[in-house]
Protein backbone atom coordinates (compact mmCIF):
# COMPACT_ATOMS: atom_id res chain seq x y z
CA UNK A 1 -0.29 -0.12 -0.14
CA UNK A 2 2.60 2.36 1.13
CA UNK A 3 1.44 6.12 0.38
CA UNK A 4 -0.99 5.53 -0.91
CA UNK A 5 -3.24 4.82 2.06
CA UNK A 6 -2.72 8.41 3.51
CA UNK A 7 -3.10 9.73 -0.29
CA UNK A 8 -7.48 10.08 0.06
CA UNK A 9 -7.29 12.03 3.24
CA UNK A 10 -5.81 15.46 1.58
CA UNK A 11 -7.27 14.82 -1.95
CA UNK A 12 -9.85 17.19 -1.54
CA UNK A 13 -7.72 19.03 -2.28
CA UNK A 14 -8.32 18.73 -5.88
CA UNK A 15 -11.67 19.44 -6.33
CA UNK A 16 -11.40 23.31 -4.10
CA UNK A 17 -10.84 24.92 -7.45
CA UNK A 18 -14.39 23.92 -9.24
CA UNK A 19 -16.09 24.44 -6.43
CA UNK A 20 -15.76 27.86 -7.41
CA UNK A 21 -15.65 28.03 -11.73
CA UNK A 22 -18.88 25.48 -11.29
CA UNK A 23 -20.96 27.68 -9.19
CA UNK A 24 -20.13 30.81 -11.58
CA UNK A 25 -19.52 29.02 -15.29
CA UNK A 26 -21.56 25.34 -15.21
CA UNK A 27 -25.49 25.79 -14.78
CA UNK A 28 -26.72 25.11 -11.56
CA UNK A 29 -27.83 21.98 -11.91
CA UNK A 30 -24.68 20.23 -13.61
CA UNK A 31 -22.29 22.41 -10.33
CA UNK A 32 -24.86 20.61 -7.91
CA UNK A 33 -24.72 17.13 -8.91
CA UNK A 34 -20.81 17.29 -10.11
CA UNK A 35 -19.74 18.79 -6.44
CA UNK A 36 -22.20 17.01 -4.93
CA UNK A 37 -21.08 12.79 -6.66
CA UNK A 38 -17.48 14.68 -5.95
CA UNK A 39 -17.64 15.25 -2.04
CA UNK A 40 -19.45 12.08 -1.19
CA UNK A 41 -16.45 9.56 -3.37
CA UNK A 42 -13.88 11.92 -1.36
CA UNK A 43 -15.66 11.31 1.95
CA UNK A 44 -16.42 7.85 1.67
CA UNK A 45 -12.40 7.08 0.72
CA UNK A 46 -10.86 9.85 3.05
CA UNK A 47 -13.21 7.97 5.79
CA UNK A 48 -12.13 4.73 4.35
CA UNK A 49 -8.31 5.63 4.58
CA UNK A 50 -9.46 6.57 8.66
CA UNK A 51 -11.07 3.31 8.76
CA UNK A 52 -7.80 0.34 7.60
CA UNK A 53 -5.50 3.01 9.20
CA UNK A 54 -7.25 2.14 12.41
CA UNK A 55 -7.26 -1.72 11.97
CA UNK A 56 -3.74 -1.60 11.95
CA UNK A 57 -3.65 1.05 14.66
CA UNK A 58 -4.62 -0.79 17.02
CA UNK A 59 -4.20 -4.11 16.42
CA UNK A 60 -1.19 -3.83 18.40
CA UNK A 61 -2.45 -2.18 21.76
CA UNK A 62 -3.16 -4.68 24.31
CA UNK A 63 -6.14 -5.99 25.59
CA UNK A 64 -7.57 -5.51 22.08
CA UNK A 65 -10.31 -7.74 20.16
CA UNK A 66 -8.37 -8.06 16.33
CA UNK A 67 -6.51 -11.11 16.36
CA UNK A 68 -2.96 -11.32 17.64
CA UNK A 69 -1.52 -12.44 14.21
CA UNK A 70 -2.30 -8.41 12.97
CA UNK A 71 -0.05 -6.55 14.49
CA UNK A 72 2.70 -8.99 13.44
CA UNK A 73 5.30 -6.89 11.71
CA UNK A 74 4.24 -7.61 8.32
CA UNK A 75 1.63 -6.75 9.15
CA UNK A 76 2.23 -2.68 9.96
CA UNK A 77 4.79 -2.71 7.44
CA UNK A 78 1.93 -2.91 5.05
CA UNK A 79 1.23 1.28 6.44
CA UNK A 80 4.01 3.93 6.57
CA UNK A 81 4.36 5.00 10.24
CA UNK A 82 1.46 2.23 11.73
CA UNK A 83 2.34 3.60 14.72
CA UNK A 84 1.43 7.02 14.51
CA UNK A 85 -0.87 7.59 11.52
CA UNK A 86 -2.01 4.29 12.91
CA UNK A 87 -3.01 5.45 17.08
CA UNK A 88 -4.14 8.89 15.70
CA UNK A 89 -6.72 7.31 13.39
CA UNK A 90 -8.67 6.40 15.89
CA UNK A 91 -9.19 9.57 17.78
CA UNK A 92 -9.98 11.33 13.79
CA UNK A 93 -12.64 8.54 12.83
CA UNK A 94 -14.57 8.73 16.25
CA UNK A 95 -14.95 12.31 15.76
CA UNK A 96 -16.29 11.76 12.24
CA UNK A 97 -18.88 9.27 13.40
CA UNK A 98 -19.75 12.38 15.97
CA UNK A 99 -20.07 14.50 13.95
CA UNK A 100 -21.97 13.26 11.53
CA UNK A 101 -24.57 11.34 13.60
CA UNK A 102 -24.43 14.57 14.63
CA UNK A 103 -26.27 16.30 11.54
CA UNK A 104 -28.12 13.34 10.91
CA UNK A 105 -29.79 14.13 13.58
CA UNK A 106 -29.99 18.06 14.03
CA UNK A 107 -31.90 17.63 10.59
CA UNK A 108 -34.10 15.18 12.04
CA UNK A 109 -34.98 17.53 14.67
CA UNK A 110 -35.10 20.83 12.56
CA UNK A 111 -37.53 18.36 10.69
CA UNK A 112 -39.45 17.29 13.04
CA UNK A 113 -40.34 20.85 14.62
CA UNK A 114 -41.19 22.02 12.01
CA UNK A 115 -44.13 18.50 11.14
CA UNK A 116 -44.75 19.44 14.29
CA UNK A 117 -45.59 23.97 13.04
CA UNK A 118 -48.06 22.77 10.95
CA UNK A 119 -50.27 20.30 13.11
CA UNK A 120 -53.67 20.76 12.48
CA UNK A 121 -53.55 22.62 8.82
CA UNK A 122 -55.12 21.53 6.24
CA UNK A 123 -52.45 18.56 4.57
CA UNK A 124 -52.56 21.08 1.36
CA UNK A 125 -48.62 21.41 -0.98
CA UNK A 126 -49.09 24.38 -0.23
CA UNK A 127 -49.33 26.12 4.13
CA UNK A 128 -49.68 30.47 4.74
CA UNK A 129 -49.26 30.27 8.21
CA UNK A 130 -50.83 33.36 10.09
CA UNK A 131 -47.24 35.17 11.31
CA UNK A 132 -45.86 38.59 10.78
CA UNK A 133 -42.47 37.43 10.39
CA UNK A 134 -41.74 36.96 7.16
CA UNK A 135 -40.16 34.03 6.24
CA UNK A 136 -40.42 30.94 4.08
CA UNK A 137 -39.21 27.80 3.05
CA UNK A 138 -39.66 24.12 1.46
CA UNK A 139 -40.90 21.72 3.59
CA UNK A 140 -39.55 17.82 2.06
CA UNK A 141 -41.92 15.46 3.80
CA UNK A 142 -42.40 11.54 2.85
CA UNK A 143 -45.31 12.93 -0.11
CA UNK A 144 -44.04 15.49 -2.68
CA UNK A 145 -43.18 17.63 0.92
CA UNK A 146 -44.94 21.08 0.95
CA UNK A 147 -44.00 25.30 0.81
CA UNK A 148 -44.44 27.18 4.21
CA UNK A 149 -45.36 30.55 4.02
CA UNK A 150 -45.96 32.72 6.38
CA UNK A 151 -48.74 36.37 5.56
CA UNK A 152 -46.37 38.67 7.41
CA UNK A 153 -44.60 37.65 3.30
CA UNK A 154 -46.56 37.46 1.16
CA UNK A 155 -48.10 40.70 2.47
CA UNK A 156 -45.04 42.80 1.32
CA UNK A 157 -44.32 40.68 -2.03
CA UNK A 158 -46.20 41.98 -5.52
CA UNK A 159 -48.43 38.82 -7.29
CA UNK A 160 -45.96 37.95 -9.66
CA UNK A 161 -43.43 38.38 -6.83
CA UNK A 162 -45.19 35.86 -5.16
CA UNK A 163 -45.73 33.19 -7.84
CA UNK A 164 -40.97 33.25 -8.38
CA UNK A 165 -41.60 33.24 -4.93
CA UNK A 166 -43.84 29.52 -4.46
CA UNK A 167 -41.76 28.75 -7.94
CA UNK A 168 -38.55 29.27 -6.56
CA UNK A 169 -39.85 27.06 -3.12
CA UNK A 170 -41.83 24.36 -5.22
CA UNK A 171 -38.62 23.46 -7.23
CA UNK A 172 -36.93 23.40 -4.07
CA UNK A 173 -39.62 19.83 -3.39
CA UNK A 174 -38.90 18.98 -7.18
CA UNK A 175 -35.15 18.80 -7.00
CA UNK A 176 -35.23 17.15 -4.07
CA UNK A 177 -31.90 20.21 -3.43
CA UNK A 178 -32.49 19.33 1.28
CA UNK A 179 -30.67 15.07 0.15
CA UNK A 180 -27.76 17.59 -1.91
CA UNK A 181 -27.00 20.12 0.98
CA UNK A 182 -27.45 16.66 3.38
CA UNK A 183 -24.75 14.60 1.53
CA UNK A 184 -22.26 17.44 1.29
CA UNK A 185 -23.00 18.34 5.50
CA UNK A 186 -22.12 14.89 5.99
CA UNK A 187 -18.54 15.11 3.43
CA UNK A 188 -17.98 18.26 4.97
CA UNK A 189 -18.26 16.30 8.64
CA UNK A 190 -15.87 13.26 7.62
CA UNK A 191 -13.00 15.66 5.71
CA UNK A 192 -12.94 19.27 6.75
CA UNK A 193 -11.01 20.08 3.47
CA UNK A 194 -15.02 19.43 2.10
CA UNK A 195 -15.78 22.58 3.18
CA UNK A 196 -15.36 24.98 0.56
CA UNK A 197 -17.72 22.33 -2.45
CA UNK A 198 -20.73 22.56 1.12
CA UNK A 199 -20.57 25.62 0.43
CA UNK A 200 -20.23 26.21 -3.02
CA UNK A 201 -23.44 23.51 -3.25
CA UNK A 202 -25.44 25.79 -0.33
CA UNK A 203 -25.85 28.53 -3.40
CA UNK A 204 -25.79 26.56 -6.68
CA UNK A 205 -29.09 24.86 -5.24
CA UNK A 206 -30.62 28.21 -4.61
CA UNK A 207 -29.54 29.43 -8.04
CA UNK A 208 -30.81 25.97 -9.54
CA UNK A 209 -34.09 27.25 -7.99
CA UNK A 210 -33.99 30.39 -8.86
CA UNK A 211 -34.12 29.48 -13.03
CA UNK A 212 -37.10 27.41 -12.65
CA UNK A 213 -38.64 29.78 -11.25
CA UNK A 214 -37.77 31.97 -14.02
CA UNK A 215 -39.42 29.55 -16.67
CA UNK A 216 -42.01 29.15 -14.62
CA UNK A 217 -42.74 32.82 -14.23
CA UNK A 218 -41.41 33.72 -17.80
CA UNK A 219 -39.67 36.72 -16.05
CA UNK A 220 -35.68 36.33 -14.89
CA UNK A 221 -35.84 40.10 -13.51
CA UNK A 222 -39.89 39.10 -11.87
CA UNK A 223 -37.89 36.49 -9.41
CA UNK A 224 -34.01 38.40 -9.41
CA UNK A 225 -36.84 41.44 -7.77
CA UNK A 226 -38.87 38.58 -5.69
CA UNK A 227 -35.25 37.45 -4.08
CA UNK A 228 -34.01 40.84 -3.11
CA UNK A 229 -37.25 41.65 -1.68
CA UNK A 230 -37.64 38.69 0.49
CA UNK A 231 -33.50 39.09 1.85
CA UNK A 232 -34.84 42.47 2.84
CA UNK A 233 -37.46 41.60 4.99
CA UNK A 234 -37.11 38.05 6.09
CA UNK A 235 -35.22 37.19 9.77
CA UNK A 236 -33.19 34.12 10.33
CA UNK A 237 -36.06 31.46 10.93
CA UNK A 238 -35.05 28.11 13.10
CA UNK A 239 -36.34 25.96 10.47
CA UNK A 240 -35.41 27.63 7.20
CA UNK A 241 -32.16 27.84 8.51
CA UNK A 242 -31.57 23.62 9.17
CA UNK A 243 -32.86 23.08 5.28
CA UNK A 244 -30.73 25.87 3.74
CA UNK A 245 -29.98 29.14 3.78
CA UNK A 246 -30.93 31.65 0.71
CA UNK A 247 -27.40 32.08 -0.46
CA UNK A 248 -24.94 35.83 -1.54
CA UNK A 249 -27.90 37.43 -2.63
CA UNK A 250 -26.37 40.27 -4.36
CA UNK A 251 -24.98 37.72 -6.38
CA UNK A 252 -28.30 35.26 -7.25
CA UNK A 253 -29.62 39.11 -8.11
CA UNK A 254 -26.54 39.45 -10.65
CA UNK A 255 -27.00 36.09 -12.54
CA UNK A 256 -30.70 36.47 -13.30
CA UNK A 257 -29.72 39.94 -14.62
CA UNK A 258 -28.08 38.40 -16.81
CA UNK A 259 -28.10 35.78 -19.52
CA UNK A 260 -29.91 32.13 -18.85
CA UNK A 261 -27.40 29.82 -17.87
CA UNK A 262 -25.86 27.43 -20.76
CA UNK A 263 -26.73 23.35 -20.05
CA UNK A 264 -24.21 21.70 -20.82
CA UNK A 265 -23.51 17.58 -19.59
CA UNK A 266 -19.62 18.18 -18.96
CA UNK A 267 -17.23 20.87 -19.42
CA UNK A 268 -15.03 21.78 -22.94
CA UNK A 269 -11.13 20.37 -21.14
CA UNK A 270 -10.59 24.09 -23.00
CA UNK A 271 -12.02 26.40 -20.90
CA UNK A 272 -10.67 27.35 -17.35
CA UNK A 273 -13.62 25.47 -15.82
CA UNK A 274 -13.02 22.37 -18.09
CA UNK A 275 -9.59 22.19 -16.31
CA UNK A 276 -10.82 23.00 -12.81
CA UNK A 277 -13.84 19.94 -13.54
CA UNK A 278 -11.20 17.54 -14.94
CA UNK A 279 -8.48 17.96 -12.30
CA UNK A 280 -11.57 17.45 -9.76
CA UNK A 281 -12.79 14.17 -11.91
CA UNK A 282 -8.97 12.76 -11.22
CA UNK A 283 -8.42 14.01 -7.82
CA UNK A 284 -11.73 11.68 -7.31
CA UNK A 285 -10.80 8.69 -9.26
CA UNK A 286 -7.23 8.57 -7.66
CA UNK A 287 -8.52 8.99 -4.80
CA UNK A 288 -11.04 6.12 -4.94
CA UNK A 289 -8.66 3.95 -7.18
CA UNK A 290 -6.34 4.20 -4.25
CA UNK A 291 -8.32 3.68 -1.40
CA UNK A 292 -9.61 0.80 -3.77
CA UNK A 293 -6.21 -0.25 -3.63
CA UNK A 294 -5.47 0.07 0.09
CA UNK A 295 -8.64 -1.69 0.91
CA UNK A 296 -7.55 -4.67 -0.82
CA UNK A 297 -4.45 -4.96 -0.66
CA UNK A 298 -4.50 -4.73 3.74
CA UNK A 299 -8.10 -7.59 3.40
CA UNK A 300 -4.77 -9.78 1.74
CA UNK A 301 -2.24 -8.85 4.02
CA UNK A 302 -4.63 -9.14 7.21
CA UNK A 303 -6.44 -12.74 5.44
CA UNK A 304 -2.77 -14.38 4.97
CA UNK A 305 -1.73 -13.36 8.58
CA UNK A 306 -5.36 -15.24 9.92
CA UNK A 307 -3.97 -18.27 11.41
CA UNK A 308 -7.13 -20.82 9.79
């Protein structure tokens, strides 16, 4: 295995260029899929790397439940710096598990709180709450979910802006954007180097919903006005923060006032975003191959060292 077992821990750095360029140059839908898949693959590879290091690191500790042969010199030579890296992987992996568990627990808690706030209301696709505080969010559910909006928000928007707002929130539900956000949050907990991808996806899902809303109302300016006005009157809301942040509003408004993004499956290599995308793809592939090579090699070494 050699140093290849350590590569998945640092290869997420190769995805940093595409995180910035993809949100600027790619269609928001393509950027969301690209960044989310890249983050998930790199997070799984780095977690597998920590697990392999932990196996070798704990095998030599007294009182461990693993076979004694797993701490032989032949096994420990398969991993570089096994004593330091192996034992350091133990608290690191525990921190990953604790962080991911906290993200999942918070996500479920916010959803339960939101569902309780709608108890007693008719089961419709739109729930209007008699609340003077202005807010709106998409609440995913087992069916198609619901759009939740307060009367305070509706009172501050014109008719066409309301239509744009509802189209935006429905796009979140139709695209399953909460799943993308949850996956990149878990990935960022698994490897802190993936936090720029989490930030980028938080922006691209909002841009994705903006473009879908612009197609429904047939006016990019109307959506831009709705976003700007909603951002001016809205305040931080506990439930809204659990599903998606509004993102950099000035950048979203500027993007809507410009031309519509071109739908591309994959960028050309002869562009800046193409170079970044292919670099991230290469880093992801190398990370996956390194993790697979390390896992298979360690499995064969442990199998050979395990007495029949």
